[in-house]
Amino acid sequence: MTPVTLYIDPSVVTYLIQAVAGVVIAVGAAVGIYFRKAKKKVNDKLGIDENKNKEVETDEIEEN
């Protein structure tokens, strides 16, 4: 049996790192979106209003 030598080009490693980072970011975004949707459904079922104590600014424009 002959030994096998393996060479991995640095550009391939860079490409793999970018691909893995892209997958991680995409999965994180999808989880965040579904978590927000699930949280909204639970809050609606329990009757919780997240915006109850928030102040709302008016869109009035003052003319000088």
N, C-alpha and C. Protein backbone atom coordinates (compact mmCIF):
# COMPACT_ATOMS: atom_id res chain seq x y z
N MET A 1 0.84 -1.16 0.00
CA MET A 1 0.00 0.00 0.00
C MET A 1 0.89 1.24 0.00
N THR A 2 0.57 2.20 -0.86
CA THR A 2 1.40 3.40 -0.95
C THR A 2 0.77 4.52 -0.13
N PRO A 3 1.60 5.34 0.52
CA PRO A 3 1.06 6.46 1.29
C PRO A 3 0.48 7.53 0.34
N VAL A 4 -0.55 8.20 0.81
CA VAL A 4 -1.21 9.23 0.02
C VAL A 4 -0.84 10.58 0.61
N THR A 5 -0.41 11.48 -0.26
CA THR A 5 -0.13 12.84 0.19
C THR A 5 -1.31 13.72 -0.19
N LEU A 6 -1.61 14.63 0.68
CA LEU A 6 -2.79 15.47 0.49
C LEU A 6 -2.37 16.93 0.58
N TYR A 7 -2.78 17.71 -0.41
CA TYR A 7 -2.50 19.14 -0.41
C TYR A 7 -3.83 19.87 -0.55
N ILE A 8 -4.08 20.76 0.40
CA ILE A 8 -5.29 21.58 0.35
C ILE A 8 -4.85 23.00 0.07
N ASP A 9 -5.31 23.53 -1.04
CA ASP A 9 -4.95 24.88 -1.44
C ASP A 9 -5.56 25.89 -0.47
N PRO A 10 -4.84 26.94 -0.09
CA PRO A 10 -5.38 27.94 0.84
C PRO A 10 -6.66 28.60 0.34
N SER A 11 -6.81 28.76 -0.97
CA SER A 11 -8.03 29.37 -1.49
C SER A 11 -9.24 28.47 -1.24
N VAL A 12 -9.03 27.17 -1.24
CA VAL A 12 -10.13 26.24 -0.95
C VAL A 12 -10.55 26.36 0.50
N VAL A 13 -9.58 26.51 1.39
CA VAL A 13 -9.88 26.66 2.81
C VAL A 13 -10.65 27.96 3.05
N THR A 14 -10.25 29.03 2.39
CA THR A 14 -10.95 30.30 2.51
C THR A 14 -12.39 30.17 2.03
N TYR A 15 -12.57 29.50 0.89
CA TYR A 15 -13.91 29.28 0.35
C TYR A 15 -14.77 28.46 1.33
N LEU A 16 -14.20 27.43 1.92
CA LEU A 16 -14.94 26.61 2.89
C LEU A 16 -15.33 27.42 4.12
N ILE A 17 -14.43 28.27 4.59
CA ILE A 17 -14.74 29.11 5.75
C ILE A 17 -15.90 30.04 5.42
N GLN A 18 -15.88 30.64 4.22
CA GLN A 18 -16.97 31.52 3.81
C GLN A 18 -18.28 30.77 3.69
N ALA A 19 -18.24 29.56 3.16
CA ALA A 19 -19.46 28.76 3.01
C ALA A 19 -20.03 28.40 4.37
N VAL A 20 -19.18 27.99 5.30
CA VAL A 20 -19.64 27.65 6.64
C VAL A 20 -20.21 28.88 7.34
N ALA A 21 -19.54 30.01 7.20
CA ALA A 21 -20.04 31.25 7.83
C ALA A 21 -21.39 31.64 7.24
N GLY A 22 -21.55 31.49 5.94
CA GLY A 22 -22.83 31.80 5.30
C GLY A 22 -23.96 30.92 5.80
N VAL A 23 -23.68 29.64 5.95
CA VAL A 23 -24.69 28.72 6.47
C VAL A 23 -25.05 29.07 7.90
N VAL A 24 -24.06 29.38 8.72
CA VAL A 24 -24.32 29.73 10.12
C VAL A 24 -25.17 31.00 10.21
N ILE A 25 -24.85 31.99 9.39
CA ILE A 25 -25.62 33.24 9.41
C ILE A 25 -27.05 33.00 8.93
N ALA A 26 -27.22 32.21 7.87
CA ALA A 26 -28.56 31.94 7.35
C ALA A 26 -29.41 31.17 8.36
N VAL A 27 -28.82 30.18 9.01
CA VAL A 27 -29.55 29.42 10.03
C VAL A 27 -29.90 30.31 11.21
N GLY A 28 -28.98 31.16 11.62
CA GLY A 28 -29.26 32.09 12.72
C GLY A 28 -30.39 33.05 12.39
N ALA A 29 -30.42 33.55 11.16
CA ALA A 29 -31.50 34.44 10.75
C ALA A 29 -32.84 33.71 10.73
N ALA A 30 -32.86 32.49 10.21
CA ALA A 30 -34.10 31.71 10.15
C ALA A 30 -34.61 31.40 11.56
N VAL A 31 -33.71 31.02 12.45
CA VAL A 31 -34.11 30.74 13.83
C VAL A 31 -34.67 31.99 14.49
N GLY A 32 -34.03 33.13 14.25
CA GLY A 32 -34.50 34.38 14.82
C GLY A 32 -35.89 34.75 14.33
N ILE A 33 -36.13 34.56 13.03
CA ILE A 33 -37.45 34.87 12.46
C ILE A 33 -38.52 33.97 13.05
N TYR A 34 -38.26 32.67 13.10
CA TYR A 34 -39.27 31.75 13.63
C TYR A 34 -39.48 31.93 15.13
N PHE A 35 -38.40 32.29 15.85
CA PHE A 35 -38.55 32.54 17.28
C PHE A 35 -39.45 33.75 17.51
N ARG A 36 -39.25 34.81 16.71
CA ARG A 36 -40.07 36.01 16.85
C ARG A 36 -41.54 35.71 16.54
N LYS A 37 -41.78 34.89 15.50
CA LYS A 37 -43.16 34.53 15.15
C LYS A 37 -43.80 33.70 16.27
N ALA A 38 -43.04 32.75 16.81
CA ALA A 38 -43.57 31.90 17.89
C ALA A 38 -43.85 32.74 19.14
N LYS A 39 -42.95 33.67 19.44
CA LYS A 39 -43.14 34.53 20.60
C LYS A 39 -44.39 35.39 20.44
N LYS A 40 -44.62 35.90 19.23
CA LYS A 40 -45.81 36.71 18.98
C LYS A 40 -47.08 35.89 19.16
N LYS A 41 -47.07 34.64 18.67
CA LYS A 41 -48.25 33.79 18.83
C LYS A 41 -48.53 33.49 20.30
N VAL A 42 -47.48 33.22 21.06
CA VAL A 42 -47.65 32.93 22.49
C VAL A 42 -48.17 34.17 23.21
N ASN A 43 -47.61 35.34 22.89
CA ASN A 43 -48.08 36.57 23.52
C ASN A 43 -49.53 36.87 23.17
N ASP A 44 -49.93 36.59 21.92
CA ASP A 44 -51.33 36.79 21.53
C ASP A 44 -52.25 35.85 22.30
N LYS A 45 -51.83 34.59 22.46
CA LYS A 45 -52.65 33.61 23.20
C LYS A 45 -52.80 34.00 24.67
N LEU A 46 -51.73 34.55 25.25
CA LEU A 46 -51.76 34.90 26.67
C LEU A 46 -52.29 36.32 26.91
N GLY A 47 -52.50 37.06 25.83
CA GLY A 47 -53.00 38.41 25.97
C GLY A 47 -51.97 39.41 26.44
N ILE A 48 -50.72 39.18 26.12
CA ILE A 48 -49.63 40.06 26.54
C ILE A 48 -49.36 41.06 25.41
N ASP A 49 -49.32 42.36 25.76
CA ASP A 49 -49.02 43.40 24.77
C ASP A 49 -47.62 43.92 25.02
N GLU A 50 -46.70 43.66 24.09
CA GLU A 50 -45.31 44.09 24.26
C GLU A 50 -45.17 45.60 24.17
N ASN A 51 -46.07 46.27 23.49
CA ASN A 51 -45.94 47.71 23.27
C ASN A 51 -46.74 48.54 24.28
N LYS A 52 -47.17 47.91 25.35
CA LYS A 52 -48.02 48.60 26.32
C LYS A 52 -47.35 49.82 26.93
N ASN A 53 -46.09 49.72 27.30
CA ASN A 53 -45.40 50.80 28.01
C ASN A 53 -44.51 51.65 27.11
N LYS A 54 -44.59 51.46 25.81
CA LYS A 54 -43.73 52.21 24.90
C LYS A 54 -44.41 53.51 24.49
N GLU A 55 -43.59 54.55 24.35
CA GLU A 55 -44.10 55.83 23.90
C GLU A 55 -44.09 55.87 22.38
N VAL A 56 -45.10 56.52 21.81
CA VAL A 56 -45.20 56.64 20.37
C VAL A 56 -45.07 58.10 19.99
N GLU A 57 -44.15 58.39 19.07
CA GLU A 57 -43.97 59.76 18.63
C GLU A 57 -44.98 60.08 17.53
N THR A 58 -45.38 61.32 17.48
CA THR A 58 -46.29 61.74 16.41
C THR A 58 -45.50 62.13 15.18
N ASP A 59 -46.16 62.13 14.03
CA ASP A 59 -45.51 62.48 12.77
C ASP A 59 -45.79 63.93 12.38
N GLU A 60 -46.07 64.77 13.35
CA GLU A 60 -46.38 66.16 13.05
C GLU A 60 -45.11 66.92 12.67
N ILE A 61 -45.24 67.78 11.66
CA ILE A 61 -44.12 68.60 11.21
C ILE A 61 -44.39 70.04 11.65
N GLU A 62 -43.43 70.62 12.34
CA GLU A 62 -43.57 71.99 12.81
C GLU A 62 -43.04 72.94 11.75
N GLU A 63 -43.83 73.94 11.39
CA GLU A 63 -43.36 74.94 10.43
C GLU A 63 -42.93 76.18 11.18
N ASN A 64 -41.83 76.75 10.75
CA ASN A 64 -41.30 77.96 11.40
C ASN A 64 -41.74 79.19 10.71
